[in-house]
Amino acid sequence: MPPDPTASVPPLVLVVMGVSGCGKSTVAALVAGRLGWSFADGDDFHSAEHVAKMQAGLPLDDADRAPWLARIAAWIAARVAAADPAVMVCSGLRRRYRDTLTGGHPAVRIVYLEGSRELIAARLAQRAGHFMPPALLDSQFAALEPPGPDENPIVVGIAEPPERIAARVVAAVRPGGPA
């Protein structure tokens, strides 16, 4: 197989993905801070109606997600167009969602925070003040399609503290540079 020409394109936007409770927001904020990049959380792009739906314990369906993903994709595309490096948090559970988010642009790179259901359930049980109830974790795992090698993801396990996870992401983005 010939080498992937996009593999050498340095990322301009990182999309930090994974199921609820895996640490996306915490890790992404740390990564953005260490790299000096802009930061946005996909949760802030949800409509009030969809937040209320999730608070009621109802998972979003694809019709609910479509306008939300479109808003996030537009934000990402604007960062790419402006050459403004950024980190975006978005669950991105399905391949088609990630395809929407990246828009096929090689400078938009997926960071997958990977963890077991047991570890994430334990974290969710300790989390307070978030609209996503722990009861929806099973629906998150049911929807999850981990990124494949053709998506050129940065895959990082979540068993370590957030600072170590962020350091691994930074090292993958800037090999040889300070994490």
N, C-alpha and C. Protein backbone atom coordinates (compact mmCIF):
# COMPACT_ATOMS: atom_id res chain seq x y z
N MET A 1 0.84 -1.17 0.00
CA MET A 1 0.00 0.00 0.00
C MET A 1 0.89 1.24 0.00
N PRO A 2 0.58 2.23 -0.85
CA PRO A 2 1.40 3.46 -0.87
C PRO A 2 1.20 4.25 0.41
N PRO A 3 2.19 5.06 0.81
CA PRO A 3 2.04 5.87 2.02
C PRO A 3 0.90 6.87 1.88
N ASP A 4 0.27 7.17 2.98
CA ASP A 4 -0.83 8.13 3.01
C ASP A 4 -0.25 9.54 3.00
N PRO A 5 -0.49 10.32 1.93
CA PRO A 5 0.09 11.67 1.86
C PRO A 5 -0.46 12.60 2.94
N THR A 6 -1.65 12.31 3.50
CA THR A 6 -2.21 13.17 4.54
C THR A 6 -1.58 12.92 5.89
N ALA A 7 -0.87 11.79 6.05
CA ALA A 7 -0.28 11.46 7.35
C ALA A 7 0.78 12.47 7.76
N SER A 8 1.39 13.15 6.80
CA SER A 8 2.44 14.12 7.13
C SER A 8 1.90 15.53 7.29
N VAL A 9 0.61 15.74 7.06
CA VAL A 9 0.01 17.06 7.21
C VAL A 9 -0.13 17.36 8.70
N PRO A 10 0.49 18.44 9.18
CA PRO A 10 0.34 18.72 10.62
C PRO A 10 -1.10 19.14 10.92
N PRO A 11 -1.64 18.68 12.03
CA PRO A 11 -3.03 19.04 12.34
C PRO A 11 -3.17 20.52 12.64
N LEU A 12 -4.27 21.06 12.20
CA LEU A 12 -4.62 22.45 12.46
C LEU A 12 -5.77 22.49 13.46
N VAL A 13 -6.64 21.47 13.39
CA VAL A 13 -7.75 21.34 14.33
C VAL A 13 -7.76 19.91 14.83
N LEU A 14 -7.84 19.76 16.14
CA LEU A 14 -8.01 18.45 16.76
C LEU A 14 -9.45 18.33 17.23
N VAL A 15 -10.08 17.20 16.93
CA VAL A 15 -11.42 16.91 17.43
C VAL A 15 -11.26 15.79 18.45
N VAL A 16 -11.44 16.13 19.72
CA VAL A 16 -11.29 15.16 20.80
C VAL A 16 -12.64 14.48 21.01
N MET A 17 -12.66 13.15 20.77
CA MET A 17 -13.91 12.40 20.78
C MET A 17 -13.88 11.24 21.75
N GLY A 18 -15.06 10.73 22.04
CA GLY A 18 -15.24 9.56 22.90
C GLY A 18 -16.59 9.66 23.59
N VAL A 19 -16.93 8.63 24.32
CA VAL A 19 -18.22 8.60 25.01
C VAL A 19 -18.23 9.60 26.16
N SER A 20 -19.43 9.93 26.61
CA SER A 20 -19.59 10.84 27.73
C SER A 20 -18.86 10.29 28.95
N GLY A 21 -18.11 11.14 29.62
CA GLY A 21 -17.41 10.74 30.82
C GLY A 21 -15.99 10.26 30.62
N CYS A 22 -15.51 10.25 29.37
CA CYS A 22 -14.14 9.77 29.12
C CYS A 22 -13.09 10.84 29.39
N GLY A 23 -13.51 12.08 29.61
CA GLY A 23 -12.56 13.15 29.92
C GLY A 23 -12.28 14.09 28.76
N LYS A 24 -13.15 14.09 27.76
CA LYS A 24 -12.91 14.91 26.56
C LYS A 24 -12.65 16.38 26.88
N SER A 25 -13.55 17.00 27.63
CA SER A 25 -13.42 18.44 27.89
C SER A 25 -12.17 18.76 28.68
N THR A 26 -11.90 17.96 29.70
CA THR A 26 -10.73 18.20 30.54
C THR A 26 -9.44 18.05 29.73
N VAL A 27 -9.33 16.95 29.01
CA VAL A 27 -8.11 16.70 28.23
C VAL A 27 -7.97 17.72 27.11
N ALA A 28 -9.05 18.00 26.40
CA ALA A 28 -8.98 18.95 25.29
C ALA A 28 -8.56 20.34 25.76
N ALA A 29 -9.07 20.78 26.90
CA ALA A 29 -8.68 22.09 27.43
C ALA A 29 -7.20 22.11 27.78
N LEU A 30 -6.71 21.02 28.36
CA LEU A 30 -5.28 20.93 28.67
C LEU A 30 -4.43 20.96 27.40
N VAL A 31 -4.85 20.21 26.38
CA VAL A 31 -4.12 20.17 25.11
C VAL A 31 -4.10 21.56 24.48
N ALA A 32 -5.27 22.21 24.42
CA ALA A 32 -5.35 23.55 23.82
C ALA A 32 -4.44 24.52 24.57
N GLY A 33 -4.43 24.43 25.90
CA GLY A 33 -3.57 25.31 26.69
C GLY A 33 -2.10 25.07 26.43
N ARG A 34 -1.70 23.80 26.36
CA ARG A 34 -0.29 23.48 26.13
C ARG A 34 0.16 23.88 24.74
N LEU A 35 -0.74 23.78 23.76
CA LEU A 35 -0.38 24.14 22.39
C LEU A 35 -0.59 25.62 22.10
N GLY A 36 -1.34 26.30 22.96
CA GLY A 36 -1.67 27.71 22.73
C GLY A 36 -2.70 27.87 21.62
N TRP A 37 -3.59 26.87 21.49
CA TRP A 37 -4.61 26.88 20.44
C TRP A 37 -5.97 27.29 21.00
N SER A 38 -6.86 27.74 20.11
CA SER A 38 -8.24 28.04 20.50
C SER A 38 -8.91 26.76 20.98
N PHE A 39 -9.97 26.91 21.77
CA PHE A 39 -10.67 25.77 22.35
C PHE A 39 -12.17 26.00 22.26
N ALA A 40 -12.92 24.96 21.95
CA ALA A 40 -14.38 25.02 22.00
C ALA A 40 -14.89 23.64 22.41
N ASP A 41 -16.01 23.65 23.10
CA ASP A 41 -16.64 22.41 23.56
C ASP A 41 -17.95 22.23 22.80
N GLY A 42 -18.08 21.08 22.13
CA GLY A 42 -19.28 20.79 21.36
C GLY A 42 -20.55 20.85 22.19
N ASP A 43 -20.46 20.62 23.50
CA ASP A 43 -21.65 20.72 24.35
C ASP A 43 -22.27 22.11 24.26
N ASP A 44 -21.44 23.13 24.04
CA ASP A 44 -21.94 24.50 23.95
C ASP A 44 -22.70 24.76 22.65
N PHE A 45 -22.65 23.82 21.71
CA PHE A 45 -23.32 23.97 20.42
C PHE A 45 -24.69 23.28 20.41
N HIS A 46 -25.05 22.60 21.52
CA HIS A 46 -26.36 21.95 21.61
C HIS A 46 -27.45 23.00 21.79
N SER A 47 -28.62 22.72 21.25
CA SER A 47 -29.78 23.59 21.49
C SER A 47 -30.30 23.32 22.90
N ALA A 48 -31.02 24.28 23.46
CA ALA A 48 -31.63 24.11 24.78
C ALA A 48 -32.59 22.92 24.78
N GLU A 49 -33.28 22.73 23.68
CA GLU A 49 -34.22 21.61 23.54
C GLU A 49 -33.50 20.27 23.67
N HIS A 50 -32.35 20.15 23.03
CA HIS A 50 -31.62 18.88 23.07
C HIS A 50 -30.97 18.64 24.43
N VAL A 51 -30.51 19.70 25.09
CA VAL A 51 -29.98 19.55 26.44
C VAL A 51 -31.09 19.04 27.36
N ALA A 52 -32.30 19.63 27.24
CA ALA A 52 -33.43 19.20 28.06
C ALA A 52 -33.78 17.74 27.79
N LYS A 53 -33.70 17.33 26.54
CA LYS A 53 -33.98 15.94 26.18
C LYS A 53 -33.00 14.99 26.86
N MET A 54 -31.72 15.34 26.81
CA MET A 54 -30.72 14.49 27.46
C MET A 54 -30.87 14.51 28.98
N GLN A 55 -31.18 15.68 29.55
CA GLN A 55 -31.40 15.75 31.00
C GLN A 55 -32.55 14.86 31.44
N ALA A 56 -33.51 14.67 30.54
CA ALA A 56 -34.65 13.80 30.83
C ALA A 56 -34.31 12.32 30.64
N GLY A 57 -33.05 12.04 30.27
CA GLY A 57 -32.61 10.66 30.12
C GLY A 57 -32.89 10.07 28.75
N LEU A 58 -33.18 10.93 27.77
CA LEU A 58 -33.47 10.47 26.42
C LEU A 58 -32.27 10.72 25.51
N PRO A 59 -31.77 9.69 24.84
CA PRO A 59 -30.63 9.92 23.94
C PRO A 59 -31.06 10.69 22.70
N LEU A 60 -30.14 11.44 22.14
CA LEU A 60 -30.40 12.13 20.89
C LEU A 60 -30.39 11.12 19.75
N ASP A 61 -31.21 11.39 18.73
CA ASP A 61 -31.17 10.56 17.53
C ASP A 61 -30.45 11.33 16.43
N ASP A 62 -30.29 10.70 15.28
CA ASP A 62 -29.55 11.34 14.20
C ASP A 62 -30.18 12.65 13.74
N ALA A 63 -31.52 12.73 13.75
CA ALA A 63 -32.19 13.98 13.37
C ALA A 63 -31.84 15.09 14.35
N ASP A 64 -31.73 14.74 15.64
CA ASP A 64 -31.34 15.73 16.65
C ASP A 64 -29.90 16.18 16.44
N ARG A 65 -29.04 15.21 16.12
CA ARG A 65 -27.61 15.50 16.03
C ARG A 65 -27.23 16.29 14.78
N ALA A 66 -27.97 16.16 13.71
CA ALA A 66 -27.58 16.76 12.42
C ALA A 66 -27.32 18.27 12.52
N PRO A 67 -28.23 19.08 13.06
CA PRO A 67 -27.94 20.52 13.13
C PRO A 67 -26.80 20.84 14.10
N TRP A 68 -26.67 20.06 15.16
CA TRP A 68 -25.59 20.23 16.11
C TRP A 68 -24.25 19.97 15.45
N LEU A 69 -24.15 18.84 14.74
CA LEU A 69 -22.91 18.52 14.04
C LEU A 69 -22.58 19.56 12.97
N ALA A 70 -23.62 20.07 12.29
CA ALA A 70 -23.40 21.09 11.26
C ALA A 70 -22.83 22.37 11.87
N ARG A 71 -23.31 22.75 13.05
CA ARG A 71 -22.77 23.96 13.72
C ARG A 71 -21.31 23.75 14.10
N ILE A 72 -20.99 22.58 14.62
CA ILE A 72 -19.60 22.29 15.01
C ILE A 72 -18.71 22.24 13.76
N ALA A 73 -19.19 21.58 12.70
CA ALA A 73 -18.42 21.48 11.46
C ALA A 73 -18.14 22.86 10.88
N ALA A 74 -19.11 23.75 10.96
CA ALA A 74 -18.92 25.12 10.45
C ALA A 74 -17.84 25.84 11.27
N TRP A 75 -17.85 25.64 12.58
CA TRP A 75 -16.83 26.24 13.44
C TRP A 75 -15.45 25.71 13.06
N ILE A 76 -15.34 24.41 12.88
CA ILE A 76 -14.07 23.78 12.50
C ILE A 76 -13.60 24.30 11.14
N ALA A 77 -14.50 24.33 10.18
CA ALA A 77 -14.15 24.82 8.83
C ALA A 77 -13.66 26.26 8.88
N ALA A 78 -14.27 27.07 9.73
CA ALA A 78 -13.83 28.47 9.87
C ALA A 78 -12.42 28.54 10.45
N ARG A 79 -12.11 27.67 11.41
CA ARG A 79 -10.75 27.65 11.98
C ARG A 79 -9.74 27.25 10.90
N VAL A 80 -10.08 26.24 10.12
CA VAL A 80 -9.18 25.79 9.05
C VAL A 80 -8.98 26.91 8.04
N ALA A 81 -10.07 27.55 7.61
CA ALA A 81 -9.99 28.62 6.62
C ALA A 81 -9.15 29.79 7.11
N ALA A 82 -9.23 30.06 8.41
CA ALA A 82 -8.48 31.18 8.98
C ALA A 82 -7.07 30.78 9.44
N ALA A 83 -6.73 29.50 9.27
CA ALA A 83 -5.46 28.97 9.76
C ALA A 83 -5.29 29.27 11.25
N ASP A 84 -6.39 29.10 12.00
CA ASP A 84 -6.43 29.33 13.44
C ASP A 84 -6.44 27.98 14.13
N PRO A 85 -5.29 27.49 14.61
CA PRO A 85 -5.25 26.17 15.25
C PRO A 85 -6.22 26.10 16.43
N ALA A 86 -6.91 24.96 16.54
CA ALA A 86 -7.95 24.85 17.55
C ALA A 86 -8.14 23.40 17.99
N VAL A 87 -8.76 23.28 19.15
CA VAL A 87 -9.15 21.98 19.69
C VAL A 87 -10.65 22.04 19.95
N MET A 88 -11.39 21.07 19.40
CA MET A 88 -12.84 20.98 19.57
C MET A 88 -13.17 19.69 20.30
N VAL A 89 -14.08 19.76 21.23
CA VAL A 89 -14.59 18.59 21.94
C VAL A 89 -15.90 18.19 21.28
N CYS A 90 -16.01 16.94 20.88
CA CYS A 90 -17.27 16.44 20.32
C CYS A 90 -17.26 14.92 20.44
N SER A 91 -18.35 14.35 20.89
CA SER A 91 -18.40 12.89 21.09
C SER A 91 -18.04 12.15 19.80
N GLY A 92 -18.53 12.59 18.65
CA GLY A 92 -18.15 12.00 17.36
C GLY A 92 -18.23 10.48 17.35
N LEU A 93 -19.29 9.94 17.90
CA LEU A 93 -19.35 8.50 18.13
C LEU A 93 -19.39 7.65 16.86
N ARG A 94 -19.99 8.16 15.83
CA ARG A 94 -20.12 7.38 14.59
C ARG A 94 -19.19 7.93 13.50
N ARG A 95 -18.80 7.06 12.61
CA ARG A 95 -17.91 7.46 11.51
C ARG A 95 -18.53 8.59 10.70
N ARG A 96 -19.80 8.48 10.39
CA ARG A 96 -20.42 9.53 9.55
C ARG A 96 -20.43 10.88 10.27
N TYR A 97 -20.52 10.88 11.59
CA TYR A 97 -20.44 12.14 12.33
C TYR A 97 -19.04 12.74 12.18
N ARG A 98 -18.04 11.88 12.32
CA ARG A 98 -16.66 12.38 12.20
C ARG A 98 -16.38 12.86 10.78
N ASP A 99 -16.94 12.18 9.78
CA ASP A 99 -16.78 12.63 8.40
C ASP A 99 -17.37 14.03 8.23
N THR A 100 -18.51 14.28 8.87
CA THR A 100 -19.12 15.62 8.82
C THR A 100 -18.20 16.63 9.49
N LEU A 101 -17.68 16.27 10.65
CA LEU A 101 -16.84 17.20 11.41
C LEU A 101 -15.54 17.54 10.70
N THR A 102 -14.89 16.54 10.13
CA THR A 102 -13.59 16.80 9.50
C THR A 102 -13.74 17.40 8.11
N GLY A 103 -14.88 17.17 7.47
CA GLY A 103 -15.08 17.69 6.12
C GLY A 103 -14.05 17.17 5.14
N GLY A 104 -13.42 16.05 5.47
CA GLY A 104 -12.41 15.47 4.59
C GLY A 104 -11.10 16.24 4.57
N HIS A 105 -10.95 17.22 5.42
CA HIS A 105 -9.73 18.04 5.43
C HIS A 105 -8.63 17.31 6.19
N PRO A 106 -7.47 17.10 5.55
CA PRO A 106 -6.39 16.35 6.22
C PRO A 106 -5.81 17.05 7.44
N ALA A 107 -6.03 18.34 7.60
CA ALA A 107 -5.49 19.05 8.75
C ALA A 107 -6.42 18.98 9.96
N VAL A 108 -7.57 18.31 9.82
CA VAL A 108 -8.46 18.09 10.95
C VAL A 108 -8.23 16.66 11.41
N ARG A 109 -7.79 16.50 12.65
CA ARG A 109 -7.36 15.20 13.14
C ARG A 109 -8.22 14.77 14.32
N ILE A 110 -8.61 13.53 14.34
CA ILE A 110 -9.41 12.94 15.41
C ILE A 110 -8.49 12.46 16.54
N VAL A 111 -8.86 12.77 17.77
CA VAL A 111 -8.21 12.24 18.96
C VAL A 111 -9.27 11.43 19.69
N TYR A 112 -9.07 10.12 19.78
CA TYR A 112 -10.04 9.23 20.40
C TYR A 112 -9.57 8.87 21.80
N LEU A 113 -10.36 9.26 22.80
CA LEU A 113 -10.08 8.90 24.18
C LEU A 113 -10.81 7.59 24.47
N GLU A 114 -10.03 6.54 24.61
CA GLU A 114 -10.55 5.19 24.69
C GLU A 114 -10.51 4.67 26.13
N GLY A 115 -11.64 4.12 26.57
CA GLY A 115 -11.69 3.56 27.91
C GLY A 115 -12.79 2.53 28.05
N SER A 116 -12.70 1.73 29.08
CA SER A 116 -13.70 0.68 29.31
C SER A 116 -14.99 1.28 29.86
N ARG A 117 -16.07 0.55 29.64
CA ARG A 117 -17.36 0.98 30.16
C ARG A 117 -17.30 1.09 31.69
N GLU A 118 -16.62 0.15 32.34
CA GLU A 118 -16.54 0.14 33.80
C GLU A 118 -15.84 1.39 34.34
N LEU A 119 -14.70 1.73 33.74
CA LEU A 119 -13.96 2.91 34.18
C LEU A 119 -14.79 4.18 33.97
N ILE A 120 -15.40 4.29 32.81
CA ILE A 120 -16.17 5.50 32.50
C ILE A 120 -17.43 5.58 33.37
N ALA A 121 -18.09 4.45 33.62
CA ALA A 121 -19.26 4.45 34.51
C ALA A 121 -18.88 4.92 35.90
N ALA A 122 -17.72 4.49 36.39
CA ALA A 122 -17.25 4.93 37.71
C ALA A 122 -17.02 6.44 37.72
N ARG A 123 -16.46 6.96 36.65
CA ARG A 123 -16.23 8.41 36.57
C ARG A 123 -17.54 9.18 36.52
N LEU A 124 -18.49 8.67 35.73
CA LEU A 124 -19.79 9.35 35.61
C LEU A 124 -20.52 9.37 36.95
N ALA A 125 -20.38 8.31 37.73
CA ALA A 125 -21.04 8.24 39.03
C ALA A 125 -20.53 9.33 39.97
N GLN A 126 -19.30 9.80 39.74
CA GLN A 126 -18.71 10.84 40.59
C GLN A 126 -18.91 12.25 40.04
N ARG A 127 -19.37 12.34 38.79
CA ARG A 127 -19.50 13.66 38.14
C ARG A 127 -20.81 14.33 38.54
N ALA A 128 -20.73 15.60 38.84
CA ALA A 128 -21.92 16.38 39.20
C ALA A 128 -22.03 17.59 38.30
N GLY A 129 -23.26 18.02 38.07
CA GLY A 129 -23.48 19.26 37.34
C GLY A 129 -23.42 19.17 35.83
N HIS A 130 -23.45 17.98 35.27
CA HIS A 130 -23.43 17.84 33.81
C HIS A 130 -24.79 17.37 33.35
N PHE A 131 -25.23 17.85 32.19
CA PHE A 131 -26.57 17.51 31.72
C PHE A 131 -26.71 16.08 31.24
N MET A 132 -25.60 15.40 30.97
CA MET A 132 -25.65 14.04 30.45
C MET A 132 -25.71 13.05 31.62
N PRO A 133 -26.86 12.40 31.84
CA PRO A 133 -26.95 11.49 32.98
C PRO A 133 -26.21 10.17 32.73
N PRO A 134 -25.69 9.56 33.79
CA PRO A 134 -24.99 8.28 33.64
C PRO A 134 -25.84 7.20 32.97
N ALA A 135 -27.16 7.31 33.08
CA ALA A 135 -28.05 6.30 32.49
C ALA A 135 -27.91 6.22 30.97
N LEU A 136 -27.38 7.27 30.34
CA LEU A 136 -27.23 7.26 28.88
C LEU A 136 -25.91 6.65 28.41
N LEU A 137 -25.08 6.19 29.34
CA LEU A 137 -23.79 5.64 28.95
C LEU A 137 -23.93 4.44 28.02
N ASP A 138 -24.88 3.56 28.31
CA ASP A 138 -25.07 2.39 27.45
C ASP A 138 -25.42 2.80 26.02
N SER A 139 -26.23 3.86 25.86
CA SER A 139 -26.57 4.31 24.51
C SER A 139 -25.34 4.89 23.81
N GLN A 140 -24.45 5.49 24.58
CA GLN A 140 -23.21 6.02 24.01
C GLN A 140 -22.33 4.88 23.48
N PHE A 141 -22.15 3.84 24.28
CA PHE A 141 -21.35 2.71 23.84
C PHE A 141 -22.02 1.96 22.68
N ALA A 142 -23.35 1.91 22.68
CA ALA A 142 -24.06 1.25 21.58
C ALA A 142 -23.83 1.99 20.26
N ALA A 143 -23.73 3.31 20.33
CA ALA A 143 -23.54 4.12 19.12
C ALA A 143 -22.08 4.20 18.69
N LEU A 144 -21.15 3.92 19.61
CA LEU A 144 -19.73 4.11 19.35
C LEU A 144 -19.20 3.23 18.22
N GLU A 145 -18.60 3.87 17.25
CA GLU A 145 -17.84 3.22 16.18
C GLU A 145 -16.42 3.78 16.30
N PRO A 146 -15.53 3.05 17.00
CA PRO A 146 -14.18 3.59 17.17
C PRO A 146 -13.55 3.92 15.81
N PRO A 147 -12.76 4.99 15.76
CA PRO A 147 -12.15 5.36 14.48
C PRO A 147 -11.20 4.27 13.99
N GLY A 148 -11.25 4.06 12.70
CA GLY A 148 -10.38 3.08 12.07
C GLY A 148 -9.06 3.70 11.64
N PRO A 149 -8.10 2.85 11.27
CA PRO A 149 -6.78 3.35 10.86
C PRO A 149 -6.84 4.32 9.68
N ASP A 150 -7.82 4.16 8.80
CA ASP A 150 -7.94 5.05 7.65
C ASP A 150 -8.31 6.48 8.05
N GLU A 151 -8.78 6.66 9.30
CA GLU A 151 -9.10 8.00 9.78
C GLU A 151 -7.87 8.68 10.40
N ASN A 152 -6.75 7.95 10.48
CA ASN A 152 -5.51 8.48 11.04
C ASN A 152 -5.72 9.09 12.42
N PRO A 153 -6.40 8.36 13.32
CA PRO A 153 -6.67 8.95 14.63
C PRO A 153 -5.46 8.89 15.56
N ILE A 154 -5.50 9.76 16.54
CA ILE A 154 -4.59 9.66 17.68
C ILE A 154 -5.43 8.97 18.75
N VAL A 155 -5.06 7.76 19.13
CA VAL A 155 -5.82 6.99 20.11
C VAL A 155 -5.05 6.97 21.42
N VAL A 156 -5.71 7.41 22.49
CA VAL A 156 -5.08 7.49 23.79
C VAL A 156 -6.01 6.85 24.82
N GLY A 157 -5.46 5.94 25.63
CA GLY A 157 -6.21 5.35 26.73
C GLY A 157 -6.42 6.37 27.83
N ILE A 158 -7.48 6.16 28.60
CA ILE A 158 -7.84 7.16 29.61
C ILE A 158 -7.55 6.73 31.05
N ALA A 159 -6.80 5.68 31.24
CA ALA A 159 -6.54 5.19 32.60
C ALA A 159 -5.62 6.12 33.40
N GLU A 160 -4.81 6.90 32.71
CA GLU A 160 -3.86 7.80 33.38
C GLU A 160 -4.55 9.13 33.74
N PRO A 161 -3.90 9.94 34.58
CA PRO A 161 -4.45 11.26 34.90
C PRO A 161 -4.54 12.14 33.64
N PRO A 162 -5.48 13.08 33.63
CA PRO A 162 -5.67 13.94 32.45
C PRO A 162 -4.40 14.62 31.96
N GLU A 163 -3.53 15.04 32.87
CA GLU A 163 -2.30 15.73 32.47
C GLU A 163 -1.41 14.81 31.63
N ARG A 164 -1.34 13.54 31.99
CA ARG A 164 -0.53 12.57 31.23
C ARG A 164 -1.17 12.28 29.89
N ILE A 165 -2.49 12.19 29.87
CA ILE A 165 -3.21 11.94 28.61
C ILE A 165 -2.96 13.11 27.66
N ALA A 166 -3.10 14.34 28.18
CA ALA A 166 -2.86 15.53 27.36
C ALA A 166 -1.43 15.55 26.84
N ALA A 167 -0.48 15.16 27.67
CA ALA A 167 0.92 15.13 27.24
C ALA A 167 1.11 14.15 26.09
N ARG A 168 0.42 13.02 26.14
CA ARG A 168 0.51 12.04 25.05
C ARG A 168 -0.06 12.61 23.75
N VAL A 169 -1.16 13.33 23.85
CA VAL A 169 -1.76 13.94 22.66
C VAL A 169 -0.81 14.98 22.08
N VAL A 170 -0.29 15.86 22.93
CA VAL A 170 0.63 16.91 22.46
C VAL A 170 1.85 16.26 21.81
N ALA A 171 2.38 15.19 22.41
CA ALA A 171 3.54 14.52 21.83
C ALA A 171 3.21 13.92 20.45
N ALA A 172 1.98 13.45 20.27
CA ALA A 172 1.58 12.90 18.98
C ALA A 172 1.42 14.00 17.92
N VAL A 173 1.03 15.18 18.38
CA VAL A 173 0.84 16.33 17.47
C VAL A 173 2.16 16.98 17.13
N ARG A 174 3.02 17.08 18.11
CA ARG A 174 4.32 17.74 17.96
C ARG A 174 5.43 16.78 18.36
N PRO A 175 5.68 15.76 17.54
CA PRO A 175 6.73 14.79 17.91
C PRO A 175 8.06 15.49 18.15
N GLY A 176 8.70 15.11 19.23
CA GLY A 176 10.00 15.70 19.55
C GLY A 176 9.93 17.01 20.28
N GLY A 177 8.73 17.60 20.32
CA GLY A 177 8.57 18.88 21.01
C GLY A 177 8.19 18.67 22.45
N PRO A 178 8.16 19.74 23.24
CA PRO A 178 7.80 19.59 24.64
C PRO A 178 6.32 19.23 24.77
N ALA A 179 6.03 18.32 25.68
CA ALA A 179 4.64 17.93 25.94
C ALA A 179 4.15 18.79 27.06
